[in-house]
Amino acid sequence: MKIKEKMHGDVAVLTVSGNLMGGPESTQLHEKVKSLIADGFNKVVIDIKGVKWINSSGLGILMACMSSLKNAGGGLKLASVTDKVQSILMMTKLIEIFETYENADRAVAKFIEESRHQ
């Protein structure tokens, strides 16, 4: 699994590629989110267009990321969700918990819009 980071103002976009299947490799994603929080960034978009497969452990990692960000007063948005991952989110009812967007730019725009209304 690879993680690329790009900043858009106060929003971090993490582009993930490979499989999100748990294990030491997937915990890198949660560690990355925790390091962003430690640096004062609590708005994160995880762009998963490059994720070929995700299992329950991978979903757990995304849940942990979201939980850490919410506890830090921020939020998580998922971008570029593939049909395969979308169907898993629907089956597990996690589609009701995660905000999903067509692409990272839309997710970033939503964070910007939300911060204007606070």
PDB file of N, CA and C in Angstrom:
ATOM      1  N   MET A   1       0.843  -1.181   0.000  1.00  0.00           N
ATOM      2  CA  MET A   1       0.000   0.000   0.000  1.00  0.00           C
ATOM      3  C   MET A   1       0.888   1.245   0.000  1.00  0.00           C
ATOM      4  N   LYS A   2       0.493   2.225  -0.805  1.00  0.00           N
ATOM      5  CA  LYS A   2       1.227   3.483  -0.874  1.00  0.00           C
ATOM      6  C   LYS A   2       0.304   4.614  -0.444  1.00  0.00           C
ATOM      7  N   ILE A   3       0.875   5.620   0.230  1.00  0.00           N
ATOM      8  CA  ILE A   3       0.103   6.789   0.660  1.00  0.00           C
ATOM      9  C   ILE A   3       0.838   8.037   0.181  1.00  0.00           C
ATOM     10  N   LYS A   4       0.131   8.874  -0.586  1.00  0.00           N
ATOM     11  CA  LYS A   4       0.696  10.158  -1.004  1.00  0.00           C
ATOM     12  C   LYS A   4      -0.083  11.253  -0.300  1.00  0.00           C
ATOM     13  N   GLU A   5       0.632  12.262   0.169  1.00  0.00           N
ATOM     14  CA  GLU A   5      -0.019  13.361   0.895  1.00  0.00           C
ATOM     15  C   GLU A   5       0.095  14.650   0.102  1.00  0.00           C
ATOM     16  N   LYS A   6      -1.012  15.402   0.074  1.00  0.00           N
ATOM     17  CA  LYS A   6      -1.035  16.699  -0.585  1.00  0.00           C
ATOM     18  C   LYS A   6      -1.898  17.622   0.266  1.00  0.00           C
ATOM     19  N   MET A   7      -1.445  18.832   0.477  1.00  0.00           N
ATOM     20  CA  MET A   7      -2.208  19.768   1.300  1.00  0.00           C
ATOM     21  C   MET A   7      -2.975  20.753   0.411  1.00  0.00           C
ATOM     22  N   HIS A   8      -4.224  21.019   0.792  1.00  0.00           N
ATOM     23  CA  HIS A   8      -5.063  22.028   0.140  1.00  0.00           C
ATOM     24  C   HIS A   8      -5.514  22.960   1.257  1.00  0.00           C
ATOM     25  N   GLY A   9      -4.733  23.981   1.540  1.00  0.00           N
ATOM     26  CA  GLY A   9      -5.036  24.849   2.669  1.00  0.00           C
ATOM     27  C   GLY A   9      -4.920  24.056   3.963  1.00  0.00           C
ATOM     28  N   ASP A  10      -6.013  23.996   4.736  1.00  0.00           N
ATOM     29  CA  ASP A  10      -5.978  23.242   6.002  1.00  0.00           C
ATOM     30  C   ASP A  10      -6.567  21.840   5.851  1.00  0.00           C
ATOM     31  N   VAL A  11      -6.734  21.387   4.605  1.00  0.00           N
ATOM     32  CA  VAL A  11      -7.264  20.042   4.343  1.00  0.00           C
ATOM     33  C   VAL A  11      -6.146  19.171   3.760  1.00  0.00           C
ATOM     34  N   ALA A  12      -5.938  18.009   4.384  1.00  0.00           N
ATOM     35  CA  ALA A  12      -4.947  17.059   3.883  1.00  0.00           C
ATOM     36  C   ALA A  12      -5.652  16.037   3.002  1.00  0.00           C
ATOM     37  N   VAL A  13      -5.075  15.782   1.831  1.00  0.00           N
ATOM     38  CA  VAL A  13      -5.600  14.738   0.950  1.00  0.00           C
ATOM     39  C   VAL A  13      -4.575  13.607   0.936  1.00  0.00           C
ATOM     40  N   LEU A  14      -5.020  12.441   1.380  1.00  0.00           N
ATOM     41  CA  LEU A  14      -4.170  11.252   1.363  1.00  0.00           C
ATOM     42  C   LEU A  14      -4.670  10.347   0.242  1.00  0.00           C
ATOM     43  N   THR A  15      -3.823  10.132  -0.750  1.00  0.00           N
ATOM     44  CA  THR A  15      -4.182   9.256  -1.864  1.00  0.00           C
ATOM     45  C   THR A  15      -3.581   7.890  -1.586  1.00  0.00           C
ATOM     46  N   VAL A  16      -4.455   6.909  -1.456  1.00  0.00           N
ATOM     47  CA  VAL A  16      -4.048   5.557  -1.076  1.00  0.00           C
ATOM     48  C   VAL A  16      -4.160   4.648  -2.296  1.00  0.00           C
ATOM     49  N   SER A  17      -3.145   3.814  -2.492  1.00  0.00           N
ATOM     50  CA  SER A  17      -3.236   2.827  -3.571  1.00  0.00           C
ATOM     51  C   SER A  17      -2.760   1.477  -3.060  1.00  0.00           C
ATOM     52  N   GLY A  18      -3.268   0.428  -3.675  1.00  0.00           N
ATOM     53  CA  GLY A  18      -2.967  -0.933  -3.233  1.00  0.00           C
ATOM     54  C   GLY A  18      -4.184  -1.533  -2.563  1.00  0.00           C
ATOM     55  N   ASN A  19      -3.959  -2.478  -1.669  1.00  0.00           N
ATOM     56  CA  ASN A  19      -5.060  -3.111  -0.942  1.00  0.00           C
ATOM     57  C   ASN A  19      -5.106  -2.592   0.485  1.00  0.00           C
ATOM     58  N   LEU A  20      -6.302  -2.430   0.995  1.00  0.00           N
ATOM     59  CA  LEU A  20      -6.507  -1.993   2.380  1.00  0.00           C
ATOM     60  C   LEU A  20      -7.046  -3.201   3.130  1.00  0.00           C
ATOM     61  N   MET A  21      -6.117  -4.020   3.621  1.00  0.00           N
ATOM     62  CA  MET A  21      -6.485  -5.326   4.162  1.00  0.00           C
ATOM     63  C   MET A  21      -6.053  -5.535   5.616  1.00  0.00           C
ATOM     64  N   GLY A  22      -5.748  -4.484   6.324  1.00  0.00           N
ATOM     65  CA  GLY A  22      -5.286  -4.658   7.697  1.00  0.00           C
ATOM     66  C   GLY A  22      -3.819  -5.021   7.733  1.00  0.00           C
ATOM     67  N   GLY A  23      -3.335  -5.399   8.902  1.00  0.00           N
ATOM     68  CA  GLY A  23      -1.927  -5.737   9.048  1.00  0.00           C
ATOM     69  C   GLY A  23      -1.081  -4.482   9.181  1.00  0.00           C
ATOM     70  N   PRO A  24       0.238  -4.665   9.348  1.00  0.00           N
ATOM     71  CA  PRO A  24       1.122  -3.524   9.614  1.00  0.00           C
ATOM     72  C   PRO A  24       1.075  -2.467   8.511  1.00  0.00           C
ATOM     73  N   GLU A  25       0.888  -2.908   7.270  1.00  0.00           N
ATOM     74  CA  GLU A  25       0.870  -1.955   6.160  1.00  0.00           C
ATOM     75  C   GLU A  25      -0.300  -0.984   6.274  1.00  0.00           C
ATOM     76  N   SER A  26      -1.481  -1.486   6.610  1.00  0.00           N
ATOM     77  CA  SER A  26      -2.667  -0.630   6.690  1.00  0.00           C
ATOM     78  C   SER A  26      -2.638   0.296   7.897  1.00  0.00           C
ATOM     79  N   THR A  27      -1.962  -0.111   8.965  1.00  0.00           N
ATOM     80  CA  THR A  27      -1.909   0.772  10.132  1.00  0.00           C
ATOM     81  C   THR A  27      -1.113   2.032   9.814  1.00  0.00           C
ATOM     82  N   GLN A  28      -0.316   2.007   8.744  1.00  0.00           N
ATOM     83  CA  GLN A  28       0.397   3.212   8.290  1.00  0.00           C
ATOM     84  C   GLN A  28      -0.587   4.345   8.039  1.00  0.00           C
ATOM     85  N   LEU A  29      -1.756   4.010   7.502  1.00  0.00           N
ATOM     86  CA  LEU A  29      -2.751   5.030   7.184  1.00  0.00           C
ATOM     87  C   LEU A  29      -3.229   5.716   8.461  1.00  0.00           C
ATOM     88  N   HIS A  30      -3.544   4.939   9.488  1.00  0.00           N
ATOM     89  CA  HIS A  30      -3.995   5.533  10.753  1.00  0.00           C
ATOM     90  C   HIS A  30      -2.861   6.323  11.403  1.00  0.00           C
ATOM     91  N   GLU A  31      -1.633   5.807  11.329  1.00  0.00           N
ATOM     92  CA  GLU A  31      -0.480   6.534  11.881  1.00  0.00           C
ATOM     93  C   GLU A  31      -0.312   7.876  11.164  1.00  0.00           C
ATOM     94  N   LYS A  32      -0.501   7.883   9.849  1.00  0.00           N
ATOM     95  CA  LYS A  32      -0.380   9.112   9.054  1.00  0.00           C
ATOM     96  C   LYS A  32      -1.439  10.125   9.503  1.00  0.00           C
ATOM     97  N   VAL A  33      -2.670   9.647   9.692  1.00  0.00           N
ATOM     98  CA  VAL A  33      -3.754  10.530  10.147  1.00  0.00           C
ATOM     99  C   VAL A  33      -3.424  11.083  11.535  1.00  0.00           C
ATOM    100  N   LYS A  34      -2.920  10.218  12.429  1.00  0.00           N
ATOM    101  CA  LYS A  34      -2.583  10.681  13.785  1.00  0.00           C
ATOM    102  C   LYS A  34      -1.462  11.717  13.744  1.00  0.00           C
ATOM    103  N   SER A  35      -0.501  11.559  12.824  1.00  0.00           N
ATOM    104  CA  SER A  35       0.582  12.543  12.732  1.00  0.00           C
ATOM    105  C   SER A  35       0.063  13.878  12.181  1.00  0.00           C
ATOM    106  N   LEU A  36      -0.919  13.825  11.263  1.00  0.00           N
ATOM    107  CA  LEU A  36      -1.543  15.058  10.775  1.00  0.00           C
ATOM    108  C   LEU A  36      -2.262  15.782  11.914  1.00  0.00           C
ATOM    109  N   ILE A  37      -2.981  15.019  12.739  1.00  0.00           N
ATOM    110  CA  ILE A  37      -3.692  15.603  13.885  1.00  0.00           C
ATOM    111  C   ILE A  37      -2.687  16.259  14.833  1.00  0.00           C
ATOM    112  N   ALA A  38      -1.576  15.566  15.083  1.00  0.00           N
ATOM    113  CA  ALA A  38      -0.534  16.107  15.972  1.00  0.00           C
ATOM    114  C   ALA A  38       0.029  17.416  15.418  1.00  0.00           C
ATOM    115  N   ASP A  39       0.037  17.550  14.086  1.00  0.00           N
ATOM    116  CA  ASP A  39       0.525  18.778  13.441  1.00  0.00           C
ATOM    117  C   ASP A  39      -0.567  19.839  13.302  1.00  0.00           C
ATOM    118  N   GLY A  40      -1.758  19.561  13.832  1.00  0.00           N
ATOM    119  CA  GLY A  40      -2.830  20.549  13.834  1.00  0.00           C
ATOM    120  C   GLY A  40      -3.794  20.457  12.663  1.00  0.00           C
ATOM    121  N   PHE A  41      -3.698  19.391  11.875  1.00  0.00           N
ATOM    122  CA  PHE A  41      -4.621  19.217  10.741  1.00  0.00           C
ATOM    123  C   PHE A  41      -5.665  18.166  11.109  1.00  0.00           C
ATOM    124  N   ASN A  42      -6.946  18.579  11.112  1.00  0.00           N
ATOM    125  CA  ASN A  42      -7.988  17.629  11.501  1.00  0.00           C
ATOM    126  C   ASN A  42      -9.054  17.428  10.427  1.00  0.00           C
ATOM    127  N   LYS A  43      -8.770  17.917   9.217  1.00  0.00           N
ATOM    128  CA  LYS A  43      -9.671  17.683   8.083  1.00  0.00           C
ATOM    129  C   LYS A  43      -8.904  16.866   7.064  1.00  0.00           C
ATOM    130  N   VAL A  44      -9.383  15.651   6.824  1.00  0.00           N
ATOM    131  CA  VAL A  44      -8.661  14.738   5.933  1.00  0.00           C
ATOM    132  C   VAL A  44      -9.605  14.126   4.905  1.00  0.00           C
ATOM    133  N   VAL A  45      -9.122  14.117   3.667  1.00  0.00           N
ATOM    134  CA  VAL A  45      -9.798  13.409   2.581  1.00  0.00           C
ATOM    135  C   VAL A  45      -8.924  12.205   2.270  1.00  0.00           C
ATOM    136  N   ILE A  46      -9.509  11.019   2.293  1.00  0.00           N
ATOM    137  CA  ILE A  46      -8.773   9.828   1.874  1.00  0.00           C
ATOM    138  C   ILE A  46      -9.306   9.449   0.494  1.00  0.00           C
ATOM    139  N   ASP A  47      -8.435   9.621  -0.502  1.00  0.00           N
ATOM    140  CA  ASP A  47      -8.777   9.315  -1.886  1.00  0.00           C
ATOM    141  C   ASP A  47      -8.392   7.863  -2.141  1.00  0.00           C
ATOM    142  N   ILE A  48      -9.406   7.025  -2.375  1.00  0.00           N
ATOM    143  CA  ILE A  48      -9.138   5.584  -2.489  1.00  0.00           C
ATOM    144  C   ILE A  48      -9.319   5.063  -3.920  1.00  0.00           C
ATOM    145  N   LYS A  49      -9.132   5.957  -4.908  1.00  0.00           N
ATOM    146  CA  LYS A  49      -9.296   5.506  -6.298  1.00  0.00           C
ATOM    147  C   LYS A  49      -8.319   4.387  -6.655  1.00  0.00           C
ATOM    148  N   GLY A  50      -7.165   4.333  -5.984  1.00  0.00           N
ATOM    149  CA  GLY A  50      -6.167   3.306  -6.279  1.00  0.00           C
ATOM    150  C   GLY A  50      -6.292   2.060  -5.425  1.00  0.00           C
ATOM    151  N   VAL A  51      -7.319   2.014  -4.554  1.00  0.00           N
ATOM    152  CA  VAL A  51      -7.510   0.839  -3.694  1.00  0.00           C
ATOM    153  C   VAL A  51      -8.285  -0.219  -4.471  1.00  0.00           C
ATOM    154  N   LYS A  52      -7.646  -1.342  -4.683  1.00  0.00           N
ATOM    155  CA  LYS A  52      -8.276  -2.406  -5.460  1.00  0.00           C
ATOM    156  C   LYS A  52      -9.227  -3.240  -4.600  1.00  0.00           C
ATOM    157  N   TRP A  53      -8.855  -3.473  -3.347  1.00  0.00           N
ATOM    158  CA  TRP A  53      -9.688  -4.300  -2.492  1.00  0.00           C
ATOM    159  C   TRP A  53      -9.581  -3.828  -1.046  1.00  0.00           C
ATOM    160  N   ILE A  54     -10.679  -3.976  -0.317  1.00  0.00           N
ATOM    161  CA  ILE A  54     -10.712  -3.613   1.096  1.00  0.00           C
ATOM    162  C   ILE A  54     -11.459  -4.726   1.834  1.00  0.00           C
ATOM    163  N   ASN A  55     -10.983  -5.101   3.011  1.00  0.00           N
ATOM    164  CA  ASN A  55     -11.693  -6.111   3.800  1.00  0.00           C
ATOM    165  C   ASN A  55     -12.124  -5.482   5.126  1.00  0.00           C
ATOM    166  N   SER A  56     -12.621  -6.306   6.041  1.00  0.00           N
ATOM    167  CA  SER A  56     -13.135  -5.772   7.306  1.00  0.00           C
ATOM    168  C   SER A  56     -12.045  -5.063   8.108  1.00  0.00           C
ATOM    169  N   SER A  57     -10.815  -5.564   8.041  1.00  0.00           N
ATOM    170  CA  SER A  57      -9.710  -4.894   8.744  1.00  0.00           C
ATOM    171  C   SER A  57      -9.456  -3.515   8.142  1.00  0.00           C
ATOM    172  N   GLY A  58      -9.528  -3.432   6.816  1.00  0.00           N
ATOM    173  CA  GLY A  58      -9.356  -2.145   6.143  1.00  0.00           C
ATOM    174  C   GLY A  58     -10.458  -1.166   6.516  1.00  0.00           C
ATOM    175  N   LEU A  59     -11.688  -1.667   6.601  1.00  0.00           N
ATOM    176  CA  LEU A  59     -12.813  -0.823   7.047  1.00  0.00           C
ATOM    177  C   LEU A  59     -12.575  -0.347   8.471  1.00  0.00           C
ATOM    178  N   GLY A  60     -12.025  -1.236   9.302  1.00  0.00           N
ATOM    179  CA  GLY A  60     -11.705  -0.878  10.686  1.00  0.00           C
ATOM    180  C   GLY A  60     -10.682   0.246  10.754  1.00  0.00           C
ATOM    181  N   ILE A  61      -9.698   0.206   9.858  1.00  0.00           N
ATOM    182  CA  ILE A  61      -8.688   1.258   9.803  1.00  0.00           C
ATOM    183  C   ILE A  61      -9.350   2.592   9.434  1.00  0.00           C
ATOM    184  N   LEU A  62     -10.241   2.580   8.443  1.00  0.00           N
ATOM    185  CA  LEU A  62     -10.948   3.814   8.053  1.00  0.00           C
ATOM    186  C   LEU A  62     -11.800   4.339   9.207  1.00  0.00           C
ATOM    187  N   MET A  63     -12.455   3.420   9.928  1.00  0.00           N
ATOM    188  CA  MET A  63     -13.259   3.814  11.099  1.00  0.00           C
ATOM    189  C   MET A  63     -12.368   4.448  12.171  1.00  0.00           C
ATOM    190  N   ALA A  64     -11.192   3.849  12.395  1.00  0.00           N
ATOM    191  CA  ALA A  64     -10.260   4.388  13.401  1.00  0.00           C
ATOM    192  C   ALA A  64      -9.784   5.786  12.997  1.00  0.00           C
ATOM    193  N   CYS A  65      -9.509   5.965  11.697  1.00  0.00           N
ATOM    194  CA  CYS A  65      -9.099   7.284  11.201  1.00  0.00           C
ATOM    195  C   CYS A  65     -10.201   8.312  11.449  1.00  0.00           C
ATOM    196  N   MET A  66     -11.433   7.939  11.112  1.00  0.00           N
ATOM    197  CA  MET A  66     -12.558   8.846  11.288  1.00  0.00           C
ATOM    198  C   MET A  66     -12.754   9.187  12.757  1.00  0.00           C
ATOM    199  N   SER A  67     -12.651   8.189  13.610  1.00  0.00           N
ATOM    200  CA  SER A  67     -12.827   8.387  15.043  1.00  0.00           C
ATOM    201  C   SER A  67     -11.767   9.346  15.598  1.00  0.00           C
ATOM    202  N   SER A  68     -10.513   9.144  15.216  1.00  0.00           N
ATOM    203  CA  SER A  68      -9.428  10.023  15.677  1.00  0.00           C
ATOM    204  C   SER A  68      -9.670  11.461  15.232  1.00  0.00           C
ATOM    205  N   LEU A  69     -10.100  11.632  13.978  1.00  0.00           N
ATOM    206  CA  LEU A  69     -10.344  12.978  13.449  1.00  0.00           C
ATOM    207  C   LEU A  69     -11.527  13.646  14.129  1.00  0.00           C
ATOM    208  N   LYS A  70     -12.602  12.886  14.369  1.00  0.00           N
ATOM    209  CA  LYS A  70     -13.775  13.463  15.056  1.00  0.00           C
ATOM    210  C   LYS A  70     -13.408  13.885  16.480  1.00  0.00           C
ATOM    211  N   ASN A  71     -12.613  13.044  17.163  1.00  0.00           N
ATOM    212  CA  ASN A  71     -12.179  13.373  18.521  1.00  0.00           C
ATOM    213  C   ASN A  71     -11.314  14.624  18.553  1.00  0.00           C
ATOM    214  N   ALA A  72     -10.651  14.915  17.420  1.00  0.00           N
ATOM    215  CA  ALA A  72      -9.804  16.107  17.317  1.00  0.00           C
ATOM    216  C   ALA A  72     -10.600  17.308  16.788  1.00  0.00           C
ATOM    217  N   GLY A  73     -11.927  17.143  16.667  1.00  0.00           N
ATOM    218  CA  GLY A  73     -12.779  18.243  16.223  1.00  0.00           C
ATOM    219  C   GLY A  73     -12.833  18.421  14.711  1.00  0.00           C
ATOM    220  N   GLY A  74     -12.393  17.412  13.974  1.00  0.00           N
ATOM    221  CA  GLY A  74     -12.369  17.517  12.519  1.00  0.00           C
ATOM    222  C   GLY A  74     -13.265  16.491  11.864  1.00  0.00           C
ATOM    223  N   GLY A  75     -12.850  16.027  10.701  1.00  0.00           N
ATOM    224  CA  GLY A  75     -13.663  15.060   9.984  1.00  0.00           C
ATOM    225  C   GLY A  75     -12.890  14.359   8.891  1.00  0.00           C
ATOM    226  N   LEU A  76     -13.524  13.322   8.361  1.00  0.00           N
ATOM    227  CA  LEU A  76     -12.953  12.504   7.293  1.00  0.00           C
ATOM    228  C   LEU A  76     -13.965  12.391   6.170  1.00  0.00           C
ATOM    229  N   LYS A  77     -13.479  12.525   4.943  1.00  0.00           N
ATOM    230  CA  LYS A  77     -14.311  12.300   3.772  1.00  0.00           C
ATOM    231  C   LYS A  77     -13.569  11.319   2.870  1.00  0.00           C
ATOM    232  N   LEU A  78     -14.309  10.417   2.244  1.00  0.00           N
ATOM    233  CA  LEU A  78     -13.723   9.469   1.303  1.00  0.00           C
ATOM    234  C   LEU A  78     -13.988   9.965  -0.114  1.00  0.00           C
ATOM    235  N   ALA A  79     -12.969   9.854  -0.963  1.00  0.00           N
ATOM    236  CA  ALA A  79     -13.108  10.303  -2.347  1.00  0.00           C
ATOM    237  C   ALA A  79     -12.775   9.176  -3.312  1.00  0.00           C
ATOM    238  N   SER A  80     -13.350   9.264  -4.501  1.00  0.00           N
ATOM    239  CA  SER A  80     -13.084   8.319  -5.599  1.00  0.00           C
ATOM    240  C   SER A  80     -13.331   6.871  -5.184  1.00  0.00           C
ATOM    241  N   VAL A  81     -14.465   6.650  -4.532  1.00  0.00           N
ATOM    242  CA  VAL A  81     -14.813   5.305  -4.067  1.00  0.00           C
ATOM    243  C   VAL A  81     -15.197   4.447  -5.276  1.00  0.00           C
ATOM    244  N   THR A  82     -14.508   3.337  -5.465  1.00  0.00           N
ATOM    245  CA  THR A  82     -14.797   2.452  -6.598  1.00  0.00           C
ATOM    246  C   THR A  82     -16.111   1.713  -6.357  1.00  0.00           C
ATOM    247  N   ASP A  83     -16.678   1.163  -7.414  1.00  0.00           N
ATOM    248  CA  ASP A  83     -17.933   0.412  -7.295  1.00  0.00           C
ATOM    249  C   ASP A  83     -17.795  -0.751  -6.321  1.00  0.00           C
ATOM    250  N   LYS A  84     -16.642  -1.427  -6.370  1.00  0.00           N
ATOM    251  CA  LYS A  84     -16.405  -2.585  -5.507  1.00  0.00           C
ATOM    252  C   LYS A  84     -16.423  -2.160  -4.033  1.00  0.00           C
ATOM    253  N   VAL A  85     -15.705  -1.080  -3.735  1.00  0.00           N
ATOM    254  CA  VAL A  85     -15.651  -0.587  -2.349  1.00  0.00           C
ATOM    255  C   VAL A  85     -17.008  -0.023  -1.939  1.00  0.00           C
ATOM    256  N   GLN A  86     -17.676   0.663  -2.863  1.00  0.00           N
ATOM    257  CA  GLN A  86     -19.013   1.216  -2.590  1.00  0.00           C
ATOM    258  C   GLN A  86     -19.973   0.102  -2.185  1.00  0.00           C
ATOM    259  N   SER A  87     -19.918  -1.040  -2.890  1.00  0.00           N
ATOM    260  CA  SER A  87     -20.833  -2.147  -2.568  1.00  0.00           C
ATOM    261  C   SER A  87     -20.531  -2.708  -1.185  1.00  0.00           C
ATOM    262  N   ILE A  88     -19.262  -2.734  -0.785  1.00  0.00           N
ATOM    263  CA  ILE A  88     -18.899  -3.202   0.560  1.00  0.00           C
ATOM    264  C   ILE A  88     -19.434  -2.226   1.606  1.00  0.00           C
ATOM    265  N   LEU A  89     -19.301  -0.926   1.335  1.00  0.00           N
ATOM    266  CA  LEU A  89     -19.818   0.087   2.266  1.00  0.00           C
ATOM    267  C   LEU A  89     -21.336  -0.038   2.394  1.00  0.00           C
ATOM    268  N   MET A  90     -22.008  -0.352   1.298  1.00  0.00           N
ATOM    269  CA  MET A  90     -23.470  -0.499   1.342  1.00  0.00           C
ATOM    270  C   MET A  90     -23.871  -1.754   2.120  1.00  0.00           C
ATOM    271  N   MET A  91     -23.181  -2.869   1.873  1.00  0.00           N
ATOM    272  CA  MET A  91     -23.509  -4.124   2.570  1.00  0.00           C
ATOM    273  C   MET A  91     -23.314  -4.007   4.076  1.00  0.00           C
ATOM    274  N   THR A  92     -22.279  -3.252   4.474  1.00  0.00           N
ATOM    275  CA  THR A  92     -21.965  -3.126   5.898  1.00  0.00           C
ATOM    276  C   THR A  92     -22.695  -1.950   6.553  1.00  0.00           C
ATOM    277  N   LYS A  93     -23.476  -1.227   5.751  1.00  0.00           N
ATOM    278  CA  LYS A  93     -24.211  -0.039   6.207  1.00  0.00           C
ATOM    279  C   LYS A  93     -23.282   1.118   6.595  1.00  0.00           C
ATOM    280  N   LEU A  94     -21.988   0.988   6.295  1.00  0.00           N
ATOM    281  CA  LEU A  94     -21.043   2.063   6.612  1.00  0.00           C
ATOM    282  C   LEU A  94     -21.197   3.240   5.653  1.00  0.00           C
ATOM    283  N   ILE A  95     -21.935   3.035   4.582  1.00  0.00           N
ATOM    284  CA  ILE A  95     -22.229   4.112   3.641  1.00  0.00           C
ATOM    285  C   ILE A  95     -22.983   5.234   4.359  1.00  0.00           C
ATOM    286  N   GLU A  96     -23.694   4.876   5.436  1.00  0.00           N
ATOM    287  CA  GLU A  96     -24.445   5.867   6.220  1.00  0.00           C
ATOM    288  C   GLU A  96     -23.534   6.650   7.157  1.00  0.00           C
ATOM    289  N   ILE A  97     -22.322   6.156   7.393  1.00  0.00           N
ATOM    290  CA  ILE A  97     -21.388   6.791   8.320  1.00  0.00           C
ATOM    291  C   ILE A  97     -20.353   7.634   7.586  1.00  0.00           C
ATOM    292  N   PHE A  98     -19.833   7.089   6.485  1.00  0.00           N
ATOM    293  CA  PHE A  98     -18.804   7.802   5.722  1.00  0.00           C
ATOM    294  C   PHE A  98     -19.431   8.737   4.703  1.00  0.00           C
ATOM    295  N   GLU A  99     -18.848   9.941   4.583  1.00  0.00           N
ATOM    296  CA  GLU A  99     -19.240  10.847   3.505  1.00  0.00           C
ATOM    297  C   GLU A  99     -18.370  10.477   2.310  1.00  0.00           C
ATOM    298  N   THR A 100     -18.995  10.197   1.170  1.00  0.00           N
ATOM    299  CA  THR A 100     -18.225   9.826  -0.010  1.00  0.00           C
ATOM    300  C   THR A 100     -18.452  10.853  -1.123  1.00  0.00           C
ATOM    301  N   TYR A 101     -17.398  11.097  -1.887  1.00  0.00           N
ATOM    302  CA  TYR A 101     -17.431  12.081  -2.971  1.00  0.00           C
ATOM    303  C   TYR A 101     -16.818  11.491  -4.232  1.00  0.00           C
ATOM    304  N   GLU A 102     -17.241  12.053  -5.379  1.00  0.00           N
ATOM    305  CA  GLU A 102     -16.757  11.568  -6.685  1.00  0.00           C
ATOM    306  C   GLU A 102     -15.248  11.644  -6.794  1.00  0.00           C
ATOM    307  N   ASN A 103     -14.671  12.733  -6.272  1.00  0.00           N
ATOM    308  CA  ASN A 103     -13.222  12.915  -6.353  1.00  0.00           C
ATOM    309  C   ASN A 103     -12.740  13.773  -5.189  1.00  0.00           C
ATOM    310  N   ALA A 104     -11.422  13.866  -5.050  1.00  0.00           N
ATOM    311  CA  ALA A 104     -10.830  14.583  -3.914  1.00  0.00           C
ATOM    312  C   ALA A 104     -11.173  16.074  -3.955  1.00  0.00           C
ATOM    313  N   ASP A 105     -11.212  16.667  -5.151  1.00  0.00           N
ATOM    314  CA  ASP A 105     -11.503  18.105  -5.246  1.00  0.00           C
ATOM    315  C   ASP A 105     -12.876  18.442  -4.665  1.00  0.00           C
ATOM    316  N   ARG A 106     -13.861  17.598  -4.943  1.00  0.00           N
ATOM    317  CA  ARG A 106     -15.212  17.831  -4.397  1.00  0.00           C
ATOM    318  C   ARG A 106     -15.222  17.700  -2.875  1.00  0.00           C
ATOM    319  N   ALA A 107     -14.494  16.716  -2.358  1.00  0.00           N
ATOM    320  CA  ALA A 107     -14.444  16.511  -0.906  1.00  0.00           C
ATOM    321  C   ALA A 107     -13.769  17.704  -0.225  1.00  0.00           C
ATOM    322  N   VAL A 108     -12.678  18.199  -0.823  1.00  0.00           N
ATOM    323  CA  VAL A 108     -11.981  19.375  -0.284  1.00  0.00           C
ATOM    324  C   VAL A 108     -12.909  20.589  -0.320  1.00  0.00           C
ATOM    325  N   ALA A 109     -13.611  20.773  -1.441  1.00  0.00           N
ATOM    326  CA  ALA A 109     -14.552  21.897  -1.583  1.00  0.00           C
ATOM    327  C   ALA A 109     -15.624  21.843  -0.501  1.00  0.00           C
ATOM    328  N   LYS A 110     -16.088  20.645  -0.160  1.00  0.00           N
ATOM    329  CA  LYS A 110     -17.114  20.486   0.882  1.00  0.00           C
ATOM    330  C   LYS A 110     -16.569  20.919   2.243  1.00  0.00           C
ATOM    331  N   PHE A 111     -15.317  20.534   2.554  1.00  0.00           N
ATOM    332  CA  PHE A 111     -14.696  20.979   3.808  1.00  0.00           C
ATOM    333  C   PHE A 111     -14.617  22.508   3.849  1.00  0.00           C
ATOM    334  N   ILE A 112     -14.231  23.123   2.730  1.00  0.00           N
ATOM    335  CA  ILE A 112     -14.103  24.588   2.662  1.00  0.00           C
ATOM    336  C   ILE A 112     -15.462  25.230   2.867  1.00  0.00           C
ATOM    337  N   GLU A 113     -16.479  24.681   2.214  1.00  0.00           N
ATOM    338  CA  GLU A 113     -17.845  25.200   2.356  1.00  0.00           C
ATOM    339  C   GLU A 113     -18.324  25.089   3.811  1.00  0.00           C
ATOM    340  N   GLU A 114     -18.051  23.926   4.433  1.00  0.00           N
ATOM    341  CA  GLU A 114     -18.471  23.715   5.825  1.00  0.00           C
ATOM    342  C   GLU A 114     -17.784  24.689   6.772  1.00  0.00           C
ATOM    343  N   SER A 115     -16.512  24.995   6.526  1.00  0.00           N
ATOM    344  CA  SER A 115     -15.800  25.909   7.428  1.00  0.00           C
ATOM    345  C   SER A 115     -16.301  27.342   7.284  1.00  0.00           C
ATOM    346  N   ARG A 116     -16.846  27.671   6.124  1.00  0.00           N
ATOM    347  CA  ARG A 116     -17.438  29.013   5.927  1.00  0.00           C
ATOM    348  C   ARG A 116     -18.714  29.182   6.732  1.00  0.00           C
ATOM    349  N   HIS A 117     -19.417  28.079   6.984  1.00  0.00           N
ATOM    350  CA  HIS A 117     -20.719  28.139   7.666  1.00  0.00           C
ATOM    351  C   HIS A 117     -20.607  27.958   9.172  1.00  0.00           C
ATOM    352  N   GLN A 118     -19.390  27.958   9.687  1.00  0.00           N
ATOM    353  CA  GLN A 118     -19.238  27.766  11.142  1.00  0.00           C
ATOM    354  C   GLN A 118     -19.163  29.084  11.859  1.00  0.00           C
TER     355      GLN A 118
END
